[in-house]
Amino acid sequence: MEKTALFTQLYKDYNSFKNLGISGRYIRQTDIQNLLDNLEEEFTVKKIGESVLGQPIHSIQFGNGSIKIFVWSQMHGNESTTTKAVFDLLNYVSINKDDALVKSFLTNCSFCIIPMLNPDGAQAYTRVNANNVDLNRDAQDLSQPESRILRKEFEKFQPDYCLNLHDQRTIFSAGNQPEPAVLSFLTPSMDKDRQIFPSRIKSMQLIANIASDLSDLLPGRMGRYDDAFNLNCTGDNFQSTQTPTILFEAGHYPGDYKREETRKYVFLALISVLKAISEESFKEIDYREYEQIPENQKLFNDIILRNAKTENGVVDIAIQYKEGVKDGKLMFLPEIEKIDPKITRFAHKEFSCENKKIEINEKSKAIENVVVNKITLNDIELPLKCE
């Protein structure tokens, strides 16, 4: 089967191995505990430490091969899409144990996965941990228990490859085109000069391979992050040990604020990288193809109203959803980010107001940094709620 055909088929078959026990954006430790318990017959699940607030942090190990792959997700608590994809991957491995591809994974590789590094941040739906520290800026100081747990597992496992799994905001485009970056990647720098050593070339080849494998499914919707060096960042820090490291960023698929569509593509990207590592097929790829992936730019708003008549005159109004948890539920609050005669950014949803009068929260004046409860255009309410 051709490479792209394989991934097209996996995409079509996705619902047969999607883990139905986890969904949405608000994923906490309590949401994955039953999933972890159900893994124990086929995978080795261990409690490897506790968070600041005493929540358990687990690792999942499987495979008998000599190539060691270390994976961690949700070191930022509000970035859960990759956690869902990890459990999809584990489901796929469990269901397809006799499949040649899965046999290759299990025979050639050994895995250590931390599905949720920051359970306190996940509970509070914040980027930081309970001490208000960004764990992805704590790789040198190791001031937090979660950072020390990650480092201890890294040193104990001694991986050949690292996969650092994250989410990115809806603002990112794949280059300067009106296409959202559904998936983005980075091979972190190893030093301030951004030198390309052999170990970094491997991660470049693997990312180029992902881009090739998913090219038919996500044309023009994959991006690449800037590789400015910061030794405090976990990926840069691990890469500096000459361990090939790949940053995954799950982004926005149009209309998919729950990121159930995006999780499919993260799953496929994981399959791509594991296949390439287990078969060592990535070594045939020119690493410079990585540099052909367009660099991410911040060119999107969630909503833009074009040519709206207000007390400010005829203007464009950019609205961005602010995420937060209230009463145990994730909320998306539309907030006016910018008012300008002409906003040049792209929008995930756009309204052409045609110089007609609008009212925001029953007022005819638009004000930046205000949460929008209601917008009417010629007395007709616009659908702004995030479904």
Protein backbone atom coordinates (compact mmCIF):
# COMPACT_ATOMS: atom_id res chain seq x y z
CA MET A 1 0.00 0.00 0.00
CA GLU A 2 1.32 3.43 -0.91
CA LYS A 3 2.23 5.62 2.03
CA THR A 4 -0.46 8.25 1.53
CA ALA A 5 -3.02 5.52 0.77
CA LEU A 6 -2.23 3.90 4.12
CA PHE A 7 -3.01 7.12 5.98
CA THR A 8 -6.14 7.77 3.94
CA GLN A 9 -7.35 4.30 4.94
CA LEU A 10 -6.46 4.87 8.59
CA TYR A 11 -8.42 8.12 8.47
CA LYS A 12 -11.45 6.31 7.06
CA ASP A 13 -11.17 3.55 9.68
CA TYR A 14 -10.50 5.94 12.55
CA ASN A 15 -13.84 5.49 14.33
CA SER A 16 -13.17 1.77 14.72
CA PHE A 17 -10.31 2.44 17.13
CA LYS A 18 -11.10 5.91 18.46
CA ASN A 19 -11.16 5.75 22.26
CA LEU A 20 -14.74 6.73 23.07
CA GLY A 21 -13.95 7.11 26.76
CA ILE A 22 -12.34 10.51 26.27
CA SER A 23 -13.59 13.55 24.37
CA GLY A 24 -13.84 17.33 24.39
CA ARG A 25 -11.24 19.84 25.52
CA TYR A 26 -11.55 19.73 29.31
CA ILE A 27 -9.57 16.56 30.11
CA ARG A 28 -8.58 15.99 33.75
CA GLN A 29 -6.77 13.24 35.62
CA THR A 30 -10.13 11.83 36.75
CA ASP A 31 -11.12 11.56 33.08
CA ILE A 32 -8.17 9.35 32.22
CA GLN A 33 -8.00 7.20 35.37
CA ASN A 34 -10.52 4.62 34.12
CA LEU A 35 -8.68 4.49 30.81
CA LEU A 36 -5.42 3.85 32.63
CA ASP A 37 -7.04 1.12 34.73
CA ASN A 38 -8.32 -0.56 31.57
CA LEU A 39 -4.82 -0.60 30.07
CA GLU A 40 -3.22 -2.65 32.80
CA GLU A 41 -3.83 -6.05 31.19
CA GLU A 42 -1.83 -5.23 28.06
CA PHE A 43 0.38 -2.30 29.05
CA THR A 44 2.53 -1.54 32.07
CA VAL A 45 0.99 1.40 33.90
CA LYS A 46 2.96 2.92 36.78
CA LYS A 47 2.45 5.82 39.12
CA ILE A 48 5.72 7.73 38.78
CA GLY A 49 5.03 10.63 41.11
CA GLU A 50 2.60 13.29 42.24
CA SER A 51 1.78 16.85 41.26
CA VAL A 52 2.02 19.87 43.53
CA LEU A 53 -1.51 19.16 44.80
CA GLY A 54 -0.89 15.45 45.18
CA GLN A 55 -2.56 14.17 42.03
CA PRO A 56 -0.97 11.03 40.54
CA ILE A 57 1.21 11.16 37.44
CA HIS A 58 1.51 7.94 35.46
CA SER A 59 3.65 6.36 32.79
CA ILE A 60 2.54 3.75 30.26
CA GLN A 61 5.18 1.35 28.95
CA PHE A 62 4.99 -1.28 26.23
CA GLY A 63 7.04 -2.82 23.42
CA ASN A 64 10.16 -5.00 23.47
CA GLY A 65 12.38 -3.33 20.91
CA SER A 66 15.77 -1.71 21.22
CA ILE A 67 14.64 1.71 19.92
CA LYS A 68 13.31 3.73 22.86
CA ILE A 69 10.63 6.36 22.29
CA PHE A 70 9.67 8.77 25.11
CA VAL A 71 6.37 10.65 24.82
CA TRP A 72 4.64 13.14 27.11
CA SER A 73 1.41 15.13 26.83
CA GLN A 74 -0.46 17.85 28.72
CA MET A 75 2.55 19.46 30.37
CA HIS A 76 0.32 22.47 29.75
CA GLY A 77 -2.92 21.56 31.47
CA ASN A 78 -5.24 23.21 28.95
CA GLU A 79 -3.68 21.39 25.96
CA SER A 80 -5.51 18.09 25.83
CA THR A 81 -5.94 17.15 22.15
CA THR A 82 -2.74 15.13 22.05
CA THR A 83 -3.77 13.26 25.21
CA LYS A 84 -6.88 12.07 23.38
CA ALA A 85 -4.75 11.02 20.41
CA VAL A 86 -2.39 9.08 22.70
CA PHE A 87 -5.30 7.00 23.99
CA ASP A 88 -6.46 6.50 20.39
CA LEU A 89 -2.97 5.20 19.61
CA LEU A 90 -3.02 2.81 22.56
CA ASN A 91 -6.46 1.58 21.47
CA TYR A 92 -5.17 1.05 17.95
CA VAL A 93 -2.18 -0.94 19.21
CA SER A 94 -4.42 -3.07 21.43
CA ILE A 95 -6.97 -3.82 18.71
CA ASN A 96 -4.42 -4.50 15.96
CA LYS A 97 -1.80 -6.58 17.77
CA ASP A 98 -1.57 -9.00 14.84
CA ASP A 99 -1.24 -6.25 12.22
CA ALA A 100 2.19 -6.06 10.57
CA LEU A 101 2.57 -2.34 11.34
CA VAL A 102 1.76 -2.78 15.04
CA LYS A 103 4.05 -5.82 15.23
CA SER A 104 6.81 -3.62 13.84
CA PHE A 105 6.19 -1.05 16.58
CA LEU A 106 6.21 -3.65 19.35
CA THR A 107 9.15 -5.67 18.03
CA ASN A 108 11.46 -2.81 17.13
CA CYS A 109 10.55 -0.18 19.73
CA SER A 110 9.96 0.30 23.43
CA PHE A 111 7.69 3.10 24.59
CA CYS A 112 7.36 5.20 27.69
CA ILE A 113 4.38 7.59 27.58
CA ILE A 114 3.33 10.12 30.21
CA PRO A 115 -0.25 10.95 29.17
CA MET A 116 -0.75 13.86 31.59
CA LEU A 117 2.27 15.55 33.14
CA ASN A 118 0.36 18.49 34.67
CA PRO A 119 -2.86 17.18 36.29
CA ASP A 120 -3.26 20.30 38.47
CA GLY A 121 -3.17 22.55 35.41
CA ALA A 122 -5.56 20.18 33.66
CA GLN A 123 -8.03 20.42 36.54
CA ALA A 124 -7.86 24.23 36.57
CA TYR A 125 -7.67 24.39 32.75
CA THR A 126 -4.52 26.49 32.83
CA ARG A 127 -1.22 26.39 31.02
CA VAL A 128 0.75 26.51 34.27
CA ASN A 129 0.90 24.16 37.27
CA ALA A 130 -0.51 24.82 40.76
CA ASN A 131 2.52 26.98 41.60
CA ASN A 132 1.83 29.14 38.53
CA VAL A 133 4.96 27.83 36.79
CA ASP A 134 5.12 26.99 33.09
CA LEU A 135 6.66 23.52 33.11
CA ASN A 136 7.93 24.08 29.60
CA ARG A 137 10.18 26.84 30.93
CA ASP A 138 11.47 24.83 33.89
CA ALA A 139 13.80 22.36 32.18
CA GLN A 140 16.95 23.88 33.70
CA ASP A 141 15.78 24.95 37.14
CA LEU A 142 13.64 21.84 37.73
CA SER A 143 11.89 23.83 40.44
CA GLN A 144 8.62 21.87 40.18
CA PRO A 145 7.84 18.25 41.08
CA GLU A 146 6.30 17.65 37.64
CA SER A 147 9.49 18.88 35.92
CA ARG A 148 11.63 16.65 38.11
CA ILE A 149 9.41 13.65 37.36
CA LEU A 150 9.79 14.23 33.61
CA ARG A 151 13.55 14.60 33.88
CA LYS A 152 13.88 11.52 36.07
CA GLU A 153 11.92 9.41 33.58
CA PHE A 154 14.00 10.79 30.71
CA GLU A 155 17.25 9.86 32.44
CA LYS A 156 15.93 6.47 33.56
CA PHE A 157 14.49 5.49 30.17
CA GLN A 158 17.37 6.94 28.11
CA PRO A 159 15.28 7.41 24.98
CA ASP A 160 16.50 7.42 21.40
CA TYR A 161 13.64 9.76 20.41
CA CYS A 162 11.38 12.21 22.25
CA LEU A 163 7.89 13.37 21.27
CA ASN A 164 6.74 16.53 23.09
CA LEU A 165 2.96 16.87 22.60
CA HIS A 166 1.06 20.19 22.81
CA ASP A 167 -1.90 22.24 21.54
CA GLN A 168 -1.69 25.62 19.85
CA ARG A 169 -4.18 28.48 19.73
CA THR A 170 -6.63 29.19 16.92
CA ILE A 171 -4.64 32.26 15.84
CA PHE A 172 -2.03 30.34 13.84
CA SER A 173 -1.98 30.06 10.07
CA ALA A 174 0.18 27.74 8.00
CA GLY A 175 2.37 30.42 6.45
CA ASN A 176 0.82 33.65 5.15
CA GLN A 177 -2.13 31.93 3.48
CA PRO A 178 -5.76 31.84 4.74
CA GLU A 179 -5.30 28.26 5.94
CA PRO A 180 -5.30 27.34 9.64
CA ALA A 181 -2.35 25.37 10.99
CA VAL A 182 -4.20 22.18 11.93
CA LEU A 183 -0.89 20.53 12.81
CA SER A 184 2.44 22.19 13.48
CA PHE A 185 5.84 20.79 14.28
CA LEU A 186 9.28 21.85 15.41
CA THR A 187 12.66 20.27 15.69
CA PRO A 188 14.01 22.37 18.57
CA SER A 189 17.44 23.90 18.32
CA MET A 190 20.35 22.36 20.20
CA ASP A 191 22.21 25.61 20.85
CA LYS A 192 21.89 29.37 20.37
CA ASP A 193 23.48 29.11 16.91
CA ARG A 194 20.76 26.67 15.80
CA GLN A 195 23.35 24.26 14.46
CA ILE A 196 22.18 21.17 12.62
CA PHE A 197 23.83 18.15 14.20
CA PRO A 198 23.14 14.55 13.09
CA SER A 199 20.64 13.97 15.90
CA ARG A 200 18.69 17.07 14.92
CA ILE A 201 18.71 15.97 11.28
CA LYS A 202 16.81 12.84 12.36
CA SER A 203 13.96 14.86 13.85
CA MET A 204 13.89 17.05 10.72
CA GLN A 205 13.61 13.94 8.55
CA LEU A 206 10.82 12.55 10.72
CA ILE A 207 8.79 15.76 10.52
CA ALA A 208 9.31 15.94 6.74
CA ASN A 209 8.05 12.36 6.61
CA ILE A 210 4.89 13.28 8.54
CA ALA A 211 4.26 16.17 6.15
CA SER A 212 4.61 13.81 3.22
CA ASP A 213 2.40 11.09 4.71
CA LEU A 214 -0.44 13.51 5.51
CA SER A 215 -0.09 15.73 2.46
CA ASP A 216 -3.27 14.43 0.80
CA LEU A 217 -5.32 14.74 3.99
CA LEU A 218 -4.11 18.16 5.15
CA PRO A 219 -2.96 20.04 2.05
CA GLY A 220 -1.62 23.46 3.03
CA ARG A 221 -2.63 23.06 6.67
CA MET A 222 0.62 22.02 8.34
CA GLY A 223 3.03 24.53 9.81
CA ARG A 224 6.48 24.81 11.33
CA TYR A 225 7.51 26.77 14.40
CA ASP A 226 10.43 29.15 14.71
CA ASP A 227 13.47 27.39 16.19
CA ALA A 228 14.87 30.13 18.43
CA PHE A 229 16.84 28.42 21.19
CA ASN A 230 15.80 28.45 24.85
CA LEU A 231 17.51 25.92 27.11
CA ASN A 232 14.73 26.39 29.68
CA CYS A 233 12.30 24.77 27.22
CA THR A 234 12.04 21.02 27.60
CA GLY A 235 12.35 20.21 23.90
CA ASP A 236 15.45 22.36 23.45
CA ASN A 237 16.93 20.92 26.62
CA PHE A 238 16.40 17.32 25.59
CA GLN A 239 17.55 18.05 22.04
CA SER A 240 20.76 19.52 23.47
CA THR A 241 21.58 16.03 24.85
CA GLN A 242 21.64 14.88 21.20
CA THR A 243 18.32 13.06 21.61
CA PRO A 244 16.20 13.70 18.49
CA THR A 245 13.13 15.57 19.73
CA ILE A 246 9.94 16.57 17.95
CA LEU A 247 7.42 19.12 19.15
CA PHE A 248 3.82 18.34 18.08
CA GLU A 249 1.24 21.15 18.13
CA ALA A 250 -2.44 20.30 17.65
CA GLY A 251 -4.21 23.25 16.04
CA HIS A 252 -7.61 24.36 14.84
CA TYR A 253 -9.60 22.57 12.16
CA PRO A 254 -12.44 24.83 10.89
CA GLY A 255 -15.46 24.58 13.16
CA ASP A 256 -13.76 22.05 15.42
CA TYR A 257 -13.45 23.85 18.75
CA LYS A 258 -13.71 20.54 20.62
CA ARG A 259 -10.76 19.33 18.53
CA GLU A 260 -12.28 15.98 17.77
CA GLU A 261 -11.31 16.32 14.10
CA THR A 262 -7.81 17.53 14.95
CA ARG A 263 -7.21 14.53 17.21
CA LYS A 264 -7.54 12.28 14.14
CA TYR A 265 -4.67 14.08 12.46
CA VAL A 266 -2.54 13.96 15.61
CA PHE A 267 -3.17 10.22 15.75
CA LEU A 268 -2.13 9.86 12.12
CA ALA A 269 1.00 11.95 12.73
CA LEU A 270 1.90 9.68 15.65
CA ILE A 271 1.45 6.60 13.45
CA SER A 272 3.62 8.25 10.79
CA VAL A 273 6.50 8.98 13.12
CA LEU A 274 6.36 5.58 14.83
CA LYS A 275 6.27 3.78 11.49
CA ALA A 276 9.23 5.78 10.21
CA ILE A 277 11.24 5.12 13.38
CA SER A 278 10.41 1.42 13.67
CA GLU A 279 11.23 0.79 9.99
CA GLU A 280 14.05 3.38 9.90
CA SER A 281 12.57 4.51 6.59
CA PHE A 282 12.98 8.21 7.43
CA LYS A 283 16.72 7.97 6.78
CA GLU A 284 16.00 8.12 3.05
CA ILE A 285 14.42 11.60 3.34
CA ASP A 286 16.30 14.83 2.58
CA TYR A 287 16.16 16.71 5.89
CA ARG A 288 15.95 20.01 3.99
CA GLU A 289 12.36 19.13 3.07
CA TYR A 290 11.55 20.08 6.66
CA GLU A 291 12.44 23.67 5.82
CA GLN A 292 9.85 23.68 3.02
CA ILE A 293 7.02 23.42 5.54
CA PRO A 294 5.62 26.97 5.88
CA GLU A 295 6.45 28.75 9.12
CA ASN A 296 3.50 29.50 11.39
CA GLN A 297 2.16 33.03 11.52
CA LYS A 298 -0.45 34.60 13.80
CA LEU A 299 -2.92 35.64 11.13
CA PHE A 300 -6.31 34.34 12.35
CA ASN A 301 -9.11 35.56 14.55
CA ASP A 302 -12.03 33.39 15.54
CA ILE A 303 -14.59 35.89 14.18
CA ILE A 304 -14.35 39.07 12.13
CA LEU A 305 -17.26 41.39 11.40
CA ARG A 306 -16.56 43.33 8.19
CA ASN A 307 -17.86 46.85 7.46
CA ALA A 308 -20.02 47.18 10.56
CA LYS A 309 -21.70 50.55 11.18
CA THR A 310 -21.16 51.70 14.77
CA GLU A 311 -20.69 54.94 16.69
CA ASN A 312 -17.00 54.43 15.87
CA GLY A 313 -17.85 54.70 12.18
CA VAL A 314 -17.79 51.84 9.67
CA VAL A 315 -15.22 49.39 11.03
CA ASP A 316 -14.04 45.81 11.11
CA ILE A 317 -14.33 44.08 14.48
CA ALA A 318 -12.13 41.13 15.43
CA ILE A 319 -13.42 38.75 18.11
CA GLN A 320 -11.43 36.05 19.88
CA TYR A 321 -12.78 33.33 22.15
CA LYS A 322 -11.36 33.34 25.67
CA GLU A 323 -11.40 29.88 27.22
CA GLY A 324 -12.10 29.15 30.86
CA VAL A 325 -13.85 26.75 33.21
CA LYS A 326 -16.99 27.65 35.14
CA ASP A 327 -18.96 25.22 37.31
CA GLY A 328 -16.98 22.33 35.88
CA LYS A 329 -17.70 23.22 32.26
CA LEU A 330 -15.43 24.69 29.62
CA MET A 331 -16.65 28.06 28.38
CA PHE A 332 -15.74 29.96 25.21
CA LEU A 333 -16.37 33.67 25.75
CA PRO A 334 -16.25 35.93 22.66
CA GLU A 335 -14.21 39.05 23.41
CA ILE A 336 -13.57 42.02 21.14
CA GLU A 337 -9.84 42.02 20.42
CA LYS A 338 -9.50 44.77 17.85
CA ILE A 339 -11.56 47.50 16.16
CA ASP A 340 -10.12 49.04 13.02
CA PRO A 341 -11.31 50.49 9.70
CA LYS A 342 -9.62 47.55 7.98
CA ILE A 343 -8.43 44.36 9.70
CA THR A 344 -6.16 42.37 7.40
CA ARG A 345 -6.20 39.13 9.34
CA PHE A 346 -8.17 36.02 8.35
CA ALA A 347 -11.18 34.67 10.26
CA HIS A 348 -12.49 31.21 11.07
CA LYS A 349 -15.96 32.74 10.80
CA GLU A 350 -16.69 35.99 8.99
CA PHE A 351 -19.79 38.20 8.78
CA SER A 352 -20.26 40.78 6.04
CA CYS A 353 -22.23 43.60 7.66
CA GLU A 354 -22.48 45.70 4.46
CA ASN A 355 -22.36 49.03 6.31
CA LYS A 356 -25.47 48.09 8.29
CA LYS A 357 -25.95 49.10 11.90
CA ILE A 358 -24.83 46.72 14.61
CA GLU A 359 -25.36 46.77 18.34
CA ILE A 360 -23.03 45.06 20.79
CA ASN A 361 -24.54 44.20 24.16
CA GLU A 362 -27.43 46.47 23.11
CA LYS A 363 -25.11 49.44 22.57
CA SER A 364 -24.11 51.02 19.28
CA LYS A 365 -20.53 51.73 20.32
CA ALA A 366 -17.90 49.01 19.98
CA ILE A 367 -15.22 48.81 22.69
CA GLU A 368 -12.12 46.61 22.70
CA ASN A 369 -11.52 44.00 25.43
CA VAL A 370 -15.24 43.65 26.13
CA VAL A 371 -16.92 40.24 26.38
CA VAL A 372 -19.75 40.03 23.86
CA ASN A 373 -23.04 38.66 25.13
CA LYS A 374 -25.05 39.66 22.09
CA ILE A 375 -24.54 41.27 18.68
CA THR A 376 -27.42 42.29 16.47
CA LEU A 377 -27.21 43.30 12.83
CA ASN A 378 -30.30 45.28 11.79
CA ASP A 379 -32.00 43.82 14.89
CA ILE A 380 -31.14 40.24 13.91
CA GLU A 381 -28.89 38.45 16.42
CA LEU A 382 -25.67 36.99 15.01
CA PRO A 383 -24.69 33.41 15.99
CA LEU A 384 -21.50 33.95 17.99
CA LYS A 385 -21.68 31.05 20.41
CA CYS A 386 -18.97 28.44 20.05
CA GLU A 387 -20.59 25.06 19.52
